[in-house]
Amino acid sequence: MSGDKIKINVLFDGRKFSLNIYPGHEEFVRRAVKRADDELKSFRLQYDVSDGADILRMMLLKTVAEKEIVEQEHEAERRQLERLSEELVKSASRIVESDEE
């Protein structure tokens, strides 16, 4: 993405953080920070863990696992689209060949 980055301040876990982002990403970044903050609060309530670093590690593991699942699903969808595309090309070729006869 081209253009200059802007600095925004966000609040996560009661702490202020400054982030340099592209202006078009601000809405998404703020939404992600809110979601992460909500998830952090949820983890604190759900698990009896007093160490904040352990909670963040648990969140990281969950996030990476979810990302892996999404990537695998996308890969399966990509392969399916590839197969469908090949079938479409074969079908189109047969139609063209039959029209030429």
C-alpha atoms as a PDB file:
ATOM      1  CA  MET A   1       0.000   0.000   0.000  1.00  0.00           C
ATOM      2  CA  SER A   2       1.374   3.384  -0.888  1.00  0.00           C
ATOM      3  CA  GLY A   3       1.230   6.530   1.154  1.00  0.00           C
ATOM      4  CA  ASP A   4       2.473   7.758   4.455  1.00  0.00           C
ATOM      5  CA  LYS A   5       1.666   6.032   7.667  1.00  0.00           C
ATOM      6  CA  ILE A   6      -0.181   7.711  10.496  1.00  0.00           C
ATOM      7  CA  LYS A   7       0.306   7.239  14.202  1.00  0.00           C
ATOM      8  CA  ILE A   8      -2.712   6.150  16.220  1.00  0.00           C
ATOM      9  CA  ASN A   9      -3.049   5.469  19.910  1.00  0.00           C
ATOM     10  CA  VAL A  10      -4.946   2.436  21.109  1.00  0.00           C
ATOM     11  CA  LEU A  11      -5.805   1.070  24.527  1.00  0.00           C
ATOM     12  CA  PHE A  12      -5.086  -2.606  25.117  1.00  0.00           C
ATOM     13  CA  ASP A  13      -5.254  -4.257  28.517  1.00  0.00           C
ATOM     14  CA  GLY A  14      -5.518  -0.855  30.132  1.00  0.00           C
ATOM     15  CA  ARG A  15      -2.317   0.354  28.508  1.00  0.00           C
ATOM     16  CA  LYS A  16      -1.828   2.918  25.794  1.00  0.00           C
ATOM     17  CA  PHE A  17       0.065   1.842  22.679  1.00  0.00           C
ATOM     18  CA  SER A  18       1.115   3.916  19.669  1.00  0.00           C
ATOM     19  CA  LEU A  19       0.950   2.197  16.297  1.00  0.00           C
ATOM     20  CA  ASN A  20       2.117   3.378  12.875  1.00  0.00           C
ATOM     21  CA  ILE A  21      -0.409   2.250  10.275  1.00  0.00           C
ATOM     22  CA  TYR A  22      -1.714   3.163   6.841  1.00  0.00           C
ATOM     23  CA  PRO A  23      -4.706   5.512   7.061  1.00  0.00           C
ATOM     24  CA  GLY A  24      -6.952   3.036   5.234  1.00  0.00           C
ATOM     25  CA  HIS A  25      -6.244   0.391   7.869  1.00  0.00           C
ATOM     26  CA  GLU A  26      -7.274   2.405  10.924  1.00  0.00           C
ATOM     27  CA  GLU A  27     -10.799   1.004  11.215  1.00  0.00           C
ATOM     28  CA  PHE A  28      -9.541  -2.575  10.929  1.00  0.00           C
ATOM     29  CA  VAL A  29      -6.704  -2.065  13.414  1.00  0.00           C
ATOM     30  CA  ARG A  30      -9.003  -0.458  15.983  1.00  0.00           C
ATOM     31  CA  ARG A  31     -11.492  -3.295  15.549  1.00  0.00           C
ATOM     32  CA  ALA A  32      -8.697  -5.858  15.967  1.00  0.00           C
ATOM     33  CA  VAL A  33      -7.430  -4.140  19.120  1.00  0.00           C
ATOM     34  CA  LYS A  34     -10.951  -4.124  20.590  1.00  0.00           C
ATOM     35  CA  ARG A  35     -11.393  -7.783  19.714  1.00  0.00           C
ATOM     36  CA  ALA A  36      -8.022  -8.685  21.262  1.00  0.00           C
ATOM     37  CA  ASP A  37      -8.851  -6.713  24.403  1.00  0.00           C
ATOM     38  CA  ASP A  38     -12.238  -8.451  24.700  1.00  0.00           C
ATOM     39  CA  GLU A  39     -10.566 -11.820  24.175  1.00  0.00           C
ATOM     40  CA  LEU A  40      -7.978 -11.048  26.843  1.00  0.00           C
ATOM     41  CA  LYS A  41     -10.742 -10.231  29.328  1.00  0.00           C
ATOM     42  CA  SER A  42     -12.548 -13.436  28.378  1.00  0.00           C
ATOM     43  CA  PHE A  43      -9.402 -15.533  28.919  1.00  0.00           C
ATOM     44  CA  ARG A  44      -8.877 -13.957  32.330  1.00  0.00           C
ATOM     45  CA  LEU A  45     -12.428 -14.904  33.341  1.00  0.00           C
ATOM     46  CA  GLN A  46     -12.348 -18.354  31.767  1.00  0.00           C
ATOM     47  CA  TYR A  47      -8.980 -19.563  33.053  1.00  0.00           C
ATOM     48  CA  ASP A  48      -7.564 -19.276  36.526  1.00  0.00           C
ATOM     49  CA  VAL A  49      -4.253 -17.851  35.403  1.00  0.00           C
ATOM     50  CA  SER A  50      -2.740 -14.922  37.220  1.00  0.00           C
ATOM     51  CA  ASP A  51       0.297 -14.475  34.976  1.00  0.00           C
ATOM     52  CA  GLY A  52      -0.553 -12.025  32.197  1.00  0.00           C
ATOM     53  CA  ALA A  53       2.219 -13.436  30.012  1.00  0.00           C
ATOM     54  CA  ASP A  54       0.657 -16.905  30.204  1.00  0.00           C
ATOM     55  CA  ILE A  55      -2.712 -15.489  29.152  1.00  0.00           C
ATOM     56  CA  LEU A  56      -1.088 -13.770  26.176  1.00  0.00           C
ATOM     57  CA  ARG A  57       0.682 -17.003  25.255  1.00  0.00           C
ATOM     58  CA  MET A  58      -2.644 -18.854  25.370  1.00  0.00           C
ATOM     59  CA  MET A  59      -4.221 -16.178  23.172  1.00  0.00           C
ATOM     60  CA  LEU A  60      -1.325 -16.432  20.720  1.00  0.00           C
ATOM     61  CA  LEU A  61      -1.667 -20.216  20.510  1.00  0.00           C
ATOM     62  CA  LYS A  62      -5.415 -19.936  19.903  1.00  0.00           C
ATOM     63  CA  THR A  63      -4.917 -17.271  17.234  1.00  0.00           C
ATOM     64  CA  VAL A  64      -2.210 -19.207  15.402  1.00  0.00           C
ATOM     65  CA  ALA A  65      -4.308 -22.404  15.513  1.00  0.00           C
ATOM     66  CA  GLU A  66      -7.328 -20.543  14.095  1.00  0.00           C
ATOM     67  CA  LYS A  67      -5.134 -19.017  11.366  1.00  0.00           C
ATOM     68  CA  GLU A  68      -3.817 -22.470  10.458  1.00  0.00           C
ATOM     69  CA  ILE A  69      -7.368 -23.825  10.191  1.00  0.00           C
ATOM     70  CA  VAL A  70      -8.437 -20.943   7.947  1.00  0.00           C
ATOM     71  CA  GLU A  71      -5.365 -21.398   5.736  1.00  0.00           C
ATOM     72  CA  GLN A  72      -6.091 -25.118   5.355  1.00  0.00           C
ATOM     73  CA  GLU A  73      -9.730 -24.407   4.511  1.00  0.00           C
ATOM     74  CA  HIS A  74      -8.661 -21.833   1.921  1.00  0.00           C
ATOM     75  CA  GLU A  75      -6.192 -24.292   0.425  1.00  0.00           C
ATOM     76  CA  ALA A  76      -8.934 -26.941   0.113  1.00  0.00           C
ATOM     77  CA  GLU A  77     -11.225 -24.371  -1.522  1.00  0.00           C
ATOM     78  CA  ARG A  78      -8.434 -23.330  -3.903  1.00  0.00           C
ATOM     79  CA  ARG A  79      -7.866 -26.949  -4.952  1.00  0.00           C
ATOM     80  CA  GLN A  80     -11.601 -27.442  -5.481  1.00  0.00           C
ATOM     81  CA  LEU A  81     -11.805 -24.301  -7.636  1.00  0.00           C
ATOM     82  CA  GLU A  82      -8.813 -25.510  -9.622  1.00  0.00           C
ATOM     83  CA  ARG A  83     -10.531 -28.863 -10.296  1.00  0.00           C
ATOM     84  CA  LEU A  84     -13.769 -27.133 -11.295  1.00  0.00           C
ATOM     85  CA  SER A  85     -11.860 -24.825 -13.613  1.00  0.00           C
ATOM     86  CA  GLU A  86     -10.151 -27.793 -15.276  1.00  0.00           C
ATOM     87  CA  GLU A  87     -13.517 -29.526 -15.714  1.00  0.00           C
ATOM     88  CA  LEU A  88     -14.980 -26.368 -17.226  1.00  0.00           C
ATOM     89  CA  VAL A  89     -12.101 -26.085 -19.709  1.00  0.00           C
ATOM     90  CA  LYS A  90     -12.532 -29.754 -20.692  1.00  0.00           C
ATOM     91  CA  SER A  91     -16.271 -29.300 -21.134  1.00  0.00           C
ATOM     92  CA  ALA A  92     -15.777 -26.171 -23.200  1.00  0.00           C
ATOM     93  CA  SER A  93     -13.220 -27.973 -25.361  1.00  0.00           C
ATOM     94  CA  ARG A  94     -15.655 -30.839 -25.994  1.00  0.00           C
ATOM     95  CA  ILE A  95     -18.397 -28.384 -26.984  1.00  0.00           C
ATOM     96  CA  VAL A  96     -16.049 -26.585 -29.375  1.00  0.00           C
ATOM     97  CA  GLU A  97     -14.899 -29.897 -30.864  1.00  0.00           C
ATOM     98  CA  SER A  98     -18.465 -31.122 -31.356  1.00  0.00           C
ATOM     99  CA  ASP A  99     -19.419 -27.841 -33.048  1.00  0.00           C
ATOM    100  CA  GLU A 100     -16.508 -28.223 -35.455  1.00  0.00           C
ATOM    101  CA  GLU A 101     -17.664 -31.650 -36.591  1.00  0.00           C
END
